[in-house]
Amino acid sequence: MKEESVVESILELSSKALSEKGRERFIAYLKERGDLLAQIVGKDVEMDEDVLRVWLDKEKEILARLKEERKRVLEAMDRLSKRRVALRQYSPKFPFPPMPVFFDKLG
């Protein structure tokens, strides 16, 4: 695959990822895009300056979205952690201490 078509595919997948509202599809498009990025990493990609500017803008948007997703995940983890700590701290207090139980043989 030529570098130009790889870059076009990357831009297309980036646009699809940014248009997705759901986290799962967003990540799926990014993973698919990662395979294409691996093909051109370390190579000198010669493209039109406008295409490279669009690519840079898309990467900035993706980075902002990833930061937002990271913030959401950390907040959810914090809420779960606080809930678990609260559940562990709760221990029912009965009005009487536990009494020993003795079982006798019947019969």
PDB file of N, CA and C in Angstrom:
ATOM      1  N   MET A   1       0.853  -1.172   0.000  1.00  0.00           N
ATOM      2  CA  MET A   1       0.000   0.000   0.000  1.00  0.00           C
ATOM      3  C   MET A   1       0.898   1.234   0.000  1.00  0.00           C
ATOM      4  N   LYS A   2       0.592   2.196  -0.863  1.00  0.00           N
ATOM      5  CA  LYS A   2       1.384   3.411  -0.948  1.00  0.00           C
ATOM      6  C   LYS A   2       1.173   4.262   0.291  1.00  0.00           C
ATOM      7  N   GLU A   3       2.180   5.048   0.599  1.00  0.00           N
ATOM      8  CA  GLU A   3       2.103   5.892   1.787  1.00  0.00           C
ATOM      9  C   GLU A   3       0.923   6.854   1.721  1.00  0.00           C
ATOM     10  N   GLU A   4       0.621   7.360   0.544  1.00  0.00           N
ATOM     11  CA  GLU A   4      -0.487   8.302   0.398  1.00  0.00           C
ATOM     12  C   GLU A   4      -1.822   7.653   0.743  1.00  0.00           C
ATOM     13  N   SER A   5      -2.015   6.433   0.273  1.00  0.00           N
ATOM     14  CA  SER A   5      -3.272   5.748   0.575  1.00  0.00           C
ATOM     15  C   SER A   5      -3.343   5.351   2.049  1.00  0.00           C
ATOM     16  N   VAL A   6      -2.191   5.051   2.638  1.00  0.00           N
ATOM     17  CA  VAL A   6      -2.162   4.738   4.074  1.00  0.00           C
ATOM     18  C   VAL A   6      -2.567   5.964   4.871  1.00  0.00           C
ATOM     19  N   VAL A   7      -2.028   7.124   4.505  1.00  0.00           N
ATOM     20  CA  VAL A   7      -2.371   8.362   5.211  1.00  0.00           C
ATOM     21  C   VAL A   7      -3.847   8.680   5.030  1.00  0.00           C
ATOM     22  N   GLU A   8      -4.378   8.485   3.839  1.00  0.00           N
ATOM     23  CA  GLU A   8      -5.804   8.724   3.607  1.00  0.00           C
ATOM     24  C   GLU A   8      -6.660   7.794   4.464  1.00  0.00           C
ATOM     25  N   SER A   9      -6.237   6.536   4.568  1.00  0.00           N
ATOM     26  CA  SER A   9      -6.975   5.579   5.406  1.00  0.00           C
ATOM     27  C   SER A   9      -6.908   5.983   6.874  1.00  0.00           C
ATOM     28  N   ILE A  10      -5.747   6.448   7.299  1.00  0.00           N
ATOM     29  CA  ILE A  10      -5.584   6.898   8.688  1.00  0.00           C
ATOM     30  C   ILE A  10      -6.506   8.079   8.963  1.00  0.00           C
ATOM     31  N   LEU A  11      -6.543   9.034   8.040  1.00  0.00           N
ATOM     32  CA  LEU A  11      -7.416  10.203   8.219  1.00  0.00           C
ATOM     33  C   LEU A  11      -8.889   9.801   8.242  1.00  0.00           C
ATOM     34  N   GLU A  12      -9.246   8.849   7.401  1.00  0.00           N
ATOM     35  CA  GLU A  12     -10.627   8.372   7.375  1.00  0.00           C
ATOM     36  C   GLU A  12     -11.005   7.706   8.692  1.00  0.00           C
ATOM     37  N   LEU A  13     -10.123   6.840   9.194  1.00  0.00           N
ATOM     38  CA  LEU A  13     -10.398   6.169  10.468  1.00  0.00           C
ATOM     39  C   LEU A  13     -10.402   7.163  11.623  1.00  0.00           C
ATOM     40  N   SER A  14      -9.544   8.177  11.550  1.00  0.00           N
ATOM     41  CA  SER A  14      -9.527   9.209  12.588  1.00  0.00           C
ATOM     42  C   SER A  14     -10.852   9.951  12.614  1.00  0.00           C
ATOM     43  N   SER A  15     -11.371  10.284  11.438  1.00  0.00           N
ATOM     44  CA  SER A  15     -12.655  10.977  11.367  1.00  0.00           C
ATOM     45  C   SER A  15     -13.781  10.108  11.908  1.00  0.00           C
ATOM     46  N   LYS A  16     -13.757   8.840  11.552  1.00  0.00           N
ATOM     47  CA  LYS A  16     -14.782   7.920  12.058  1.00  0.00           C
ATOM     48  C   LYS A  16     -14.708   7.805  13.580  1.00  0.00           C
ATOM     49  N   ALA A  17     -13.480   7.715  14.105  1.00  0.00           N
ATOM     50  CA  ALA A  17     -13.308   7.591  15.552  1.00  0.00           C
ATOM     51  C   ALA A  17     -13.841   8.825  16.265  1.00  0.00           C
ATOM     52  N   LEU A  18     -13.541   9.997  15.733  1.00  0.00           N
ATOM     53  CA  LEU A  18     -13.992  11.230  16.378  1.00  0.00           C
ATOM     54  C   LEU A  18     -15.505  11.418  16.290  1.00  0.00           C
ATOM     55  N   SER A  19     -16.124  10.850  15.274  1.00  0.00           N
ATOM     56  CA  SER A  19     -17.571  10.991  15.133  1.00  0.00           C
ATOM     57  C   SER A  19     -18.342  10.038  16.047  1.00  0.00           C
ATOM     58  N   GLU A  20     -17.674   9.026  16.571  1.00  0.00           N
ATOM     59  CA  GLU A  20     -18.336   8.050  17.452  1.00  0.00           C
ATOM     60  C   GLU A  20     -18.558   8.637  18.843  1.00  0.00           C
ATOM     61  N   LYS A  21     -19.746   8.418  19.366  1.00  0.00           N
ATOM     62  CA  LYS A  21     -20.066   8.860  20.733  1.00  0.00           C
ATOM     63  C   LYS A  21     -19.671   7.804  21.760  1.00  0.00           C
ATOM     64  N   GLY A  22     -19.788   6.540  21.370  1.00  0.00           N
ATOM     65  CA  GLY A  22     -19.493   5.447  22.288  1.00  0.00           C
ATOM     66  C   GLY A  22     -18.002   5.193  22.410  1.00  0.00           C
ATOM     67  N   ARG A  23     -17.586   4.845  23.600  1.00  0.00           N
ATOM     68  CA  ARG A  23     -16.171   4.606  23.876  1.00  0.00           C
ATOM     69  C   ARG A  23     -15.646   3.373  23.144  1.00  0.00           C
ATOM     70  N   GLU A  24     -16.454   2.309  23.056  1.00  0.00           N
ATOM     71  CA  GLU A  24     -15.983   1.057  22.471  1.00  0.00           C
ATOM     72  C   GLU A  24     -15.644   1.218  20.991  1.00  0.00           C
ATOM     73  N   ARG A  25     -16.548   1.853  20.226  1.00  0.00           N
ATOM     74  CA  ARG A  25     -16.296   2.049  18.789  1.00  0.00           C
ATOM     75  C   ARG A  25     -15.143   3.022  18.572  1.00  0.00           C
ATOM     76  N   PHE A  26     -15.040   4.030  19.414  1.00  0.00           N
ATOM     77  CA  PHE A  26     -13.937   4.985  19.323  1.00  0.00           C
ATOM     78  C   PHE A  26     -12.601   4.258  19.452  1.00  0.00           C
ATOM     79  N   ILE A  27     -12.497   3.407  20.445  1.00  0.00           N
ATOM     80  CA  ILE A  27     -11.263   2.654  20.677  1.00  0.00           C
ATOM     81  C   ILE A  27     -11.019   1.657  19.546  1.00  0.00           C
ATOM     82  N   ALA A  28     -12.076   1.043  19.036  1.00  0.00           N
ATOM     83  CA  ALA A  28     -11.925   0.082  17.936  1.00  0.00           C
ATOM     84  C   ALA A  28     -11.326   0.753  16.700  1.00  0.00           C
ATOM     85  N   TYR A  29     -11.810   1.947  16.381  1.00  0.00           N
ATOM     86  CA  TYR A  29     -11.249   2.671  15.235  1.00  0.00           C
ATOM     87  C   TYR A  29      -9.796   3.064  15.487  1.00  0.00           C
ATOM     88  N   LEU A  30      -9.478   3.435  16.709  1.00  0.00           N
ATOM     89  CA  LEU A  30      -8.090   3.798  17.014  1.00  0.00           C
ATOM     90  C   LEU A  30      -7.160   2.599  16.896  1.00  0.00           C
ATOM     91  N   LYS A  31      -7.625   1.428  17.319  1.00  0.00           N
ATOM     92  CA  LYS A  31      -6.807   0.222  17.187  1.00  0.00           C
ATOM     93  C   LYS A  31      -6.586  -0.129  15.721  1.00  0.00           C
ATOM     94  N   GLU A  32      -7.634  -0.016  14.936  1.00  0.00           N
ATOM     95  CA  GLU A  32      -7.533  -0.300  13.508  1.00  0.00           C
ATOM     96  C   GLU A  32      -6.558   0.682  12.846  1.00  0.00           C
ATOM     97  N   ARG A  33      -6.617   1.917  13.278  1.00  0.00           N
ATOM     98  CA  ARG A  33      -5.734   2.960  12.774  1.00  0.00           C
ATOM     99  C   ARG A  33      -4.290   2.715  13.203  1.00  0.00           C
ATOM    100  N   GLY A  34      -4.106   2.106  14.368  1.00  0.00           N
ATOM    101  CA  GLY A  34      -2.768   1.823  14.879  1.00  0.00           C
ATOM    102  C   GLY A  34      -1.986   0.891  13.972  1.00  0.00           C
ATOM    103  N   ASP A  35      -2.668  -0.085  13.369  1.00  0.00           N
ATOM    104  CA  ASP A  35      -1.994  -0.997  12.437  1.00  0.00           C
ATOM    105  C   ASP A  35      -1.449  -0.235  11.234  1.00  0.00           C
ATOM    106  N   LEU A  36      -2.222   0.725  10.753  1.00  0.00           N
ATOM    107  CA  LEU A  36      -1.774   1.522   9.610  1.00  0.00           C
ATOM    108  C   LEU A  36      -0.639   2.464   9.995  1.00  0.00           C
ATOM    109  N   LEU A  37      -0.725   3.012  11.178  1.00  0.00           N
ATOM    110  CA  LEU A  37       0.338   3.905  11.642  1.00  0.00           C
ATOM    111  C   LEU A  37       1.671   3.169  11.762  1.00  0.00           C
ATOM    112  N   ALA A  38       1.606   1.911  12.154  1.00  0.00           N
ATOM    113  CA  ALA A  38       2.832   1.123  12.288  1.00  0.00           C
ATOM    114  C   ALA A  38       3.546   0.965  10.946  1.00  0.00           C
ATOM    115  N   GLN A  39       2.794   1.001   9.869  1.00  0.00           N
ATOM    116  CA  GLN A  39       3.394   0.848   8.540  1.00  0.00           C
ATOM    117  C   GLN A  39       4.216   2.058   8.123  1.00  0.00           C
ATOM    118  N   ILE A  40       3.885   3.229   8.637  1.00  0.00           N
ATOM    119  CA  ILE A  40       4.585   4.432   8.181  1.00  0.00           C
ATOM    120  C   ILE A  40       5.479   5.067   9.245  1.00  0.00           C
ATOM    121  N   VAL A  41       5.493   4.517  10.436  1.00  0.00           N
ATOM    122  CA  VAL A  41       6.344   5.065  11.495  1.00  0.00           C
ATOM    123  C   VAL A  41       7.806   4.904  11.083  1.00  0.00           C
ATOM    124  N   GLY A  42       8.527   5.990  11.231  1.00  0.00           N
ATOM    125  CA  GLY A  42       9.953   5.969  10.904  1.00  0.00           C
ATOM    126  C   GLY A  42      10.259   6.238   9.445  1.00  0.00           C
ATOM    127  N   LYS A  43       9.239   6.381   8.628  1.00  0.00           N
ATOM    128  CA  LYS A  43       9.446   6.673   7.218  1.00  0.00           C
ATOM    129  C   LYS A  43       9.243   8.166   6.982  1.00  0.00           C
ATOM    130  N   ASP A  44       9.914   8.679   5.990  1.00  0.00           N
ATOM    131  CA  ASP A  44       9.692  10.067   5.595  1.00  0.00           C
ATOM    132  C   ASP A  44       8.470  10.121   4.698  1.00  0.00           C
ATOM    133  N   VAL A  45       7.402  10.646   5.238  1.00  0.00           N
ATOM    134  CA  VAL A  45       6.155  10.736   4.490  1.00  0.00           C
ATOM    135  C   VAL A  45       6.096  12.106   3.827  1.00  0.00           C
ATOM    136  N   GLU A  46       6.059  12.094   2.517  1.00  0.00           N
ATOM    137  CA  GLU A  46       5.974  13.350   1.782  1.00  0.00           C
ATOM    138  C   GLU A  46       4.548  13.511   1.283  1.00  0.00           C
ATOM    139  N   MET A  47       3.870  14.477   1.876  1.00  0.00           N
ATOM    140  CA  MET A  47       2.472  14.746   1.527  1.00  0.00           C
ATOM    141  C   MET A  47       2.312  16.240   1.345  1.00  0.00           C
ATOM    142  N   ASP A  48       1.180  16.607   0.805  1.00  0.00           N
ATOM    143  CA  ASP A  48       0.833  18.005   0.662  1.00  0.00           C
ATOM    144  C   ASP A  48       0.718  18.621   2.054  1.00  0.00           C
ATOM    145  N   GLU A  49       1.115  19.869   2.174  1.00  0.00           N
ATOM    146  CA  GLU A  49       1.111  20.540   3.473  1.00  0.00           C
ATOM    147  C   GLU A  49      -0.292  20.628   4.066  1.00  0.00           C
ATOM    148  N   ASP A  50      -1.289  20.811   3.226  1.00  0.00           N
ATOM    149  CA  ASP A  50      -2.677  20.887   3.716  1.00  0.00           C
ATOM    150  C   ASP A  50      -3.117  19.568   4.324  1.00  0.00           C
ATOM    151  N   VAL A  51      -2.741  18.466   3.702  1.00  0.00           N
ATOM    152  CA  VAL A  51      -3.096  17.147   4.227  1.00  0.00           C
ATOM    153  C   VAL A  51      -2.431  16.920   5.577  1.00  0.00           C
ATOM    154  N   LEU A  52      -1.180  17.330   5.682  1.00  0.00           N
ATOM    155  CA  LEU A  52      -0.467  17.157   6.948  1.00  0.00           C
ATOM    156  C   LEU A  52      -1.058  18.036   8.046  1.00  0.00           C
ATOM    157  N   ARG A  53      -1.520  19.220   7.685  1.00  0.00           N
ATOM    158  CA  ARG A  53      -2.177  20.090   8.680  1.00  0.00           C
ATOM    159  C   ARG A  53      -3.489  19.461   9.166  1.00  0.00           C
ATOM    160  N   VAL A  54      -4.254  18.906   8.240  1.00  0.00           N
ATOM    161  CA  VAL A  54      -5.502  18.231   8.617  1.00  0.00           C
ATOM    162  C   VAL A  54      -5.194  17.055   9.532  1.00  0.00           C
ATOM    163  N   TRP A  55      -4.158  16.299   9.180  1.00  0.00           N
ATOM    164  CA  TRP A  55      -3.754  15.157   9.989  1.00  0.00           C
ATOM    165  C   TRP A  55      -3.368  15.615  11.396  1.00  0.00           C
ATOM    166  N   LEU A  56      -2.584  16.678  11.495  1.00  0.00           N
ATOM    167  CA  LEU A  56      -2.173  17.195  12.801  1.00  0.00           C
ATOM    168  C   LEU A  56      -3.380  17.653  13.609  1.00  0.00           C
ATOM    169  N   ASP A  57      -4.315  18.319  12.967  1.00  0.00           N
ATOM    170  CA  ASP A  57      -5.522  18.759  13.673  1.00  0.00           C
ATOM    171  C   ASP A  57      -6.328  17.574  14.192  1.00  0.00           C
ATOM    172  N   LYS A  58      -6.448  16.532  13.377  1.00  0.00           N
ATOM    173  CA  LYS A  58      -7.181  15.329  13.812  1.00  0.00           C
ATOM    174  C   LYS A  58      -6.477  14.675  15.010  1.00  0.00           C
ATOM    175  N   GLU A  59      -5.149  14.622  14.959  1.00  0.00           N
ATOM    176  CA  GLU A  59      -4.394  14.027  16.068  1.00  0.00           C
ATOM    177  C   GLU A  59      -4.597  14.823  17.353  1.00  0.00           C
ATOM    178  N   LYS A  60      -4.665  16.141  17.237  1.00  0.00           N
ATOM    179  CA  LYS A  60      -4.912  16.971  18.415  1.00  0.00           C
ATOM    180  C   LYS A  60      -6.311  16.704  18.976  1.00  0.00           C
ATOM    181  N   GLU A  61      -7.297  16.552  18.094  1.00  0.00           N
ATOM    182  CA  GLU A  61      -8.666  16.252  18.539  1.00  0.00           C
ATOM    183  C   GLU A  61      -8.730  14.887  19.216  1.00  0.00           C
ATOM    184  N   ILE A  62      -8.019  13.918  18.648  1.00  0.00           N
ATOM    185  CA  ILE A  62      -7.997  12.577  19.247  1.00  0.00           C
ATOM    186  C   ILE A  62      -7.329  12.619  20.607  1.00  0.00           C
ATOM    187  N   LEU A  63      -6.250  13.362  20.716  1.00  0.00           N
ATOM    188  CA  LEU A  63      -5.560  13.486  22.004  1.00  0.00           C
ATOM    189  C   LEU A  63      -6.476  14.121  23.050  1.00  0.00           C
ATOM    190  N   ALA A  64      -7.203  15.160  22.658  1.00  0.00           N
ATOM    191  CA  ALA A  64      -8.142  15.804  23.591  1.00  0.00           C
ATOM    192  C   ALA A  64      -9.228  14.824  24.024  1.00  0.00           C
ATOM    193  N   ARG A  65      -9.738  14.025  23.088  1.00  0.00           N
ATOM    194  CA  ARG A  65     -10.775  13.037  23.415  1.00  0.00           C
ATOM    195  C   ARG A  65     -10.226  11.965  24.339  1.00  0.00           C
ATOM    196  N   LEU A  66      -8.992  11.529  24.094  1.00  0.00           N
ATOM    197  CA  LEU A  66      -8.380  10.515  24.956  1.00  0.00           C
ATOM    198  C   LEU A  66      -8.175  11.056  26.370  1.00  0.00           C
ATOM    199  N   LYS A  67      -7.790  12.319  26.480  1.00  0.00           N
ATOM    200  CA  LYS A  67      -7.641  12.925  27.807  1.00  0.00           C
ATOM    201  C   LYS A  67      -8.983  12.965  28.530  1.00  0.00           C
ATOM    202  N   GLU A  68     -10.045  13.293  27.792  1.00  0.00           N
ATOM    203  CA  GLU A  68     -11.388  13.320  28.369  1.00  0.00           C
ATOM    204  C   GLU A  68     -11.816  11.927  28.827  1.00  0.00           C
ATOM    205  N   GLU A  69     -11.576  10.925  27.991  1.00  0.00           N
ATOM    206  CA  GLU A  69     -11.915   9.542  28.343  1.00  0.00           C
ATOM    207  C   GLU A  69     -11.116   9.088  29.567  1.00  0.00           C
ATOM    208  N   ARG A  70      -9.853   9.439  29.619  1.00  0.00           N
ATOM    209  CA  ARG A  70      -9.002   9.084  30.760  1.00  0.00           C
ATOM    210  C   ARG A  70      -9.559   9.695  32.040  1.00  0.00           C
ATOM    211  N   LYS A  71      -9.976  10.955  31.952  1.00  0.00           N
ATOM    212  CA  LYS A  71     -10.546  11.632  33.116  1.00  0.00           C
ATOM    213  C   LYS A  71     -11.811  10.920  33.591  1.00  0.00           C
ATOM    214  N   ARG A  72     -12.670  10.527  32.649  1.00  0.00           N
ATOM    215  CA  ARG A  72     -13.901   9.802  33.006  1.00  0.00           C
ATOM    216  C   ARG A  72     -13.591   8.475  33.686  1.00  0.00           C
ATOM    217  N   VAL A  73     -12.628   7.751  33.141  1.00  0.00           N
ATOM    218  CA  VAL A  73     -12.279   6.444  33.708  1.00  0.00           C
ATOM    219  C   VAL A  73     -11.707   6.611  35.110  1.00  0.00           C
ATOM    220  N   LEU A  74     -10.833   7.590  35.305  1.00  0.00           N
ATOM    221  CA  LEU A  74     -10.262   7.811  36.639  1.00  0.00           C
ATOM    222  C   LEU A  74     -11.332   8.239  37.644  1.00  0.00           C
ATOM    223  N   GLU A  75     -12.288   9.047  37.209  1.00  0.00           N
ATOM    224  CA  GLU A  75     -13.377   9.437  38.109  1.00  0.00           C
ATOM    225  C   GLU A  75     -14.234   8.236  38.484  1.00  0.00           C
ATOM    226  N   ALA A  76     -14.503   7.372  37.521  1.00  0.00           N
ATOM    227  CA  ALA A  76     -15.291   6.160  37.804  1.00  0.00           C
ATOM    228  C   ALA A  76     -14.532   5.247  38.764  1.00  0.00           C
ATOM    229  N   MET A  77     -13.231   5.113  38.550  1.00  0.00           N
ATOM    230  CA  MET A  77     -12.415   4.288  39.448  1.00  0.00           C
ATOM    231  C   MET A  77     -12.421   4.866  40.857  1.00  0.00           C
ATOM    232  N   ASP A  78     -12.359   6.184  40.968  1.00  0.00           N
ATOM    233  CA  ASP A  78     -12.364   6.834  42.272  1.00  0.00           C
ATOM    234  C   ASP A  78     -13.691   6.595  42.992  1.00  0.00           C
ATOM    235  N   ARG A  79     -14.804   6.719  42.245  1.00  0.00           N
ATOM    236  CA  ARG A  79     -16.117   6.459  42.853  1.00  0.00           C
ATOM    237  C   ARG A  79     -16.215   5.019  43.347  1.00  0.00           C
ATOM    238  N   LEU A  80     -15.762   4.067  42.536  1.00  0.00           N
ATOM    239  CA  LEU A  80     -15.807   2.662  42.951  1.00  0.00           C
ATOM    240  C   LEU A  80     -14.924   2.407  44.163  1.00  0.00           C
ATOM    241  N   SER A  81     -13.759   3.029  44.176  1.00  0.00           N
ATOM    242  CA  SER A  81     -12.848   2.858  45.302  1.00  0.00           C
ATOM    243  C   SER A  81     -13.469   3.393  46.592  1.00  0.00           C
ATOM    244  N   LYS A  82     -14.079   4.557  46.510  1.00  0.00           N
ATOM    245  CA  LYS A  82     -14.717   5.133  47.696  1.00  0.00           C
ATOM    246  C   LYS A  82     -15.877   4.272  48.174  1.00  0.00           C
ATOM    247  N   ARG A  83     -16.623   3.713  47.231  1.00  0.00           N
ATOM    248  CA  ARG A  83     -17.750   2.848  47.589  1.00  0.00           C
ATOM    249  C   ARG A  83     -17.251   1.589  48.296  1.00  0.00           C
ATOM    250  N   ARG A  84     -16.164   1.006  47.788  1.00  0.00           N
ATOM    251  CA  ARG A  84     -15.632  -0.208  48.426  1.00  0.00           C
ATOM    252  C   ARG A  84     -15.122   0.089  49.826  1.00  0.00           C
ATOM    253  N   VAL A  85     -14.452   1.230  50.006  1.00  0.00           N
ATOM    254  CA  VAL A  85     -13.959   1.604  51.329  1.00  0.00           C
ATOM    255  C   VAL A  85     -15.125   1.805  52.274  1.00  0.00           C
ATOM    256  N   ALA A  86     -16.174   2.457  51.793  1.00  0.00           N
ATOM    257  CA  ALA A  86     -17.349   2.690  52.639  1.00  0.00           C
ATOM    258  C   ALA A  86     -18.001   1.369  53.031  1.00  0.00           C
ATOM    259  N   LEU A  87     -18.081   0.424  52.118  1.00  0.00           N
ATOM    260  CA  LEU A  87     -18.683  -0.871  52.446  1.00  0.00           C
ATOM    261  C   LEU A  87     -17.844  -1.633  53.460  1.00  0.00           C
ATOM    262  N   ARG A  88     -16.539  -1.518  53.357  1.00  0.00           N
ATOM    263  CA  ARG A  88     -15.666  -2.229  54.314  1.00  0.00           C
ATOM    264  C   ARG A  88     -15.745  -1.621  55.704  1.00  0.00           C
ATOM    265  N   GLN A  89     -15.959  -0.321  55.784  1.00  0.00           N
ATOM    266  CA  GLN A  89     -16.003   0.334  57.083  1.00  0.00           C
ATOM    267  C   GLN A  89     -17.301   0.039  57.821  1.00  0.00           C
ATOM    268  N   TYR A  90     -18.325  -0.324  57.104  1.00  0.00           N
ATOM    269  CA  TYR A  90     -19.594  -0.620  57.738  1.00  0.00           C
ATOM    270  C   TYR A  90     -19.546  -1.999  58.363  1.00  0.00           C
ATOM    271  N   SER A  91     -19.840  -2.051  59.639  1.00  0.00           N
ATOM    272  CA  SER A  91     -20.001  -3.346  60.298  1.00  0.00           C
ATOM    273  C   SER A  91     -21.190  -3.205  61.248  1.00  0.00           C
ATOM    274  N   PRO A  92     -22.136  -4.095  61.122  1.00  0.00           N
ATOM    275  CA  PRO A  92     -23.336  -3.971  61.943  1.00  0.00           C
ATOM    276  C   PRO A  92     -23.006  -4.111  63.424  1.00  0.00           C
ATOM    277  N   LYS A  93     -23.623  -3.280  64.211  1.00  0.00           N
ATOM    278  CA  LYS A  93     -23.432  -3.315  65.669  1.00  0.00           C
ATOM    279  C   LYS A  93     -24.743  -3.775  66.291  1.00  0.00           C
ATOM    280  N   PHE A  94     -24.687  -4.877  66.985  1.00  0.00           N
ATOM    281  CA  PHE A  94     -25.870  -5.394  67.654  1.00  0.00           C
ATOM    282  C   PHE A  94     -25.873  -4.900  69.095  1.00  0.00           C
ATOM    283  N   PRO A  95     -27.021  -4.865  69.694  1.00  0.00           N
ATOM    284  CA  PRO A  95     -27.075  -4.351  71.078  1.00  0.00           C
ATOM    285  C   PRO A  95     -26.400  -5.287  72.083  1.00  0.00           C
ATOM    286  N   PHE A  96     -26.262  -6.554  71.749  1.00  0.00           N
ATOM    287  CA  PHE A  96     -25.623  -7.486  72.680  1.00  0.00           C
ATOM    288  C   PHE A  96     -24.427  -8.127  72.003  1.00  0.00           C
ATOM    289  N   PRO A  97     -23.414  -8.433  72.770  1.00  0.00           N
ATOM    290  CA  PRO A  97     -22.267  -9.119  72.168  1.00  0.00           C
ATOM    291  C   PRO A  97     -22.667 -10.536  71.763  1.00  0.00           C
ATOM    292  N   PRO A  98     -21.967 -11.131  70.842  1.00  0.00           N
ATOM    293  CA  PRO A  98     -22.325 -12.495  70.424  1.00  0.00           C
ATOM    294  C   PRO A  98     -22.199 -13.468  71.596  1.00  0.00           C
ATOM    295  N   MET A  99     -23.163 -14.338  71.685  1.00  0.00           N
ATOM    296  CA  MET A  99     -23.188 -15.315  72.778  1.00  0.00           C
ATOM    297  C   MET A  99     -22.688 -16.650  72.259  1.00  0.00           C
ATOM    298  N   PRO A 100     -21.948 -17.364  73.084  1.00  0.00           N
ATOM    299  CA  PRO A 100     -21.512 -18.692  72.662  1.00  0.00           C
ATOM    300  C   PRO A 100     -22.703 -19.648  72.575  1.00  0.00           C
ATOM    301  N   VAL A 101     -22.642 -20.521  71.634  1.00  0.00           N
ATOM    302  CA  VAL A 101     -23.741 -21.461  71.419  1.00  0.00           C
ATOM    303  C   VAL A 101     -23.253 -22.849  71.793  1.00  0.00           C
ATOM    304  N   PHE A 102     -24.046 -23.557  72.588  1.00  0.00           N
ATOM    305  CA  PHE A 102     -23.712 -24.915  72.982  1.00  0.00           C
ATOM    306  C   PHE A 102     -24.785 -25.847  72.432  1.00  0.00           C
ATOM    307  N   PHE A 103     -24.345 -26.914  71.850  1.00  0.00           N
ATOM    308  CA  PHE A 103     -25.278 -27.898  71.321  1.00  0.00           C
ATOM    309  C   PHE A 103     -25.209 -29.130  72.216  1.00  0.00           C
ATOM    310  N   ASP A 104     -26.353 -29.575  72.661  1.00  0.00           N
ATOM    311  CA  ASP A 104     -26.440 -30.781  73.493  1.00  0.00           C
ATOM    312  C   ASP A 104     -26.969 -31.902  72.617  1.00  0.00           C
ATOM    313  N   LYS A 105     -26.564 -33.122  73.000  1.00  0.00           N
ATOM    314  CA  LYS A 105     -27.128 -34.277  72.317  1.00  0.00           C
ATOM    315  C   LYS A 105     -28.552 -34.463  72.788  1.00  0.00           C
ATOM    316  N   LEU A 106     -29.403 -34.629  71.851  1.00  0.00           N
ATOM    317  CA  LEU A 106     -30.776 -34.902  72.206  1.00  0.00           C
ATOM    318  C   LEU A 106     -31.029 -36.394  72.026  1.00  0.00           C
ATOM    319  N   GLY A 107     -31.594 -36.961  72.906  1.00  0.00           N
ATOM    320  CA  GLY A 107     -31.994 -38.337  72.756  1.00  0.00           C
ATOM    321  C   GLY A 107     -31.249 -39.319  73.485  1.00  0.00           C
TER     322      GLY A 107
END
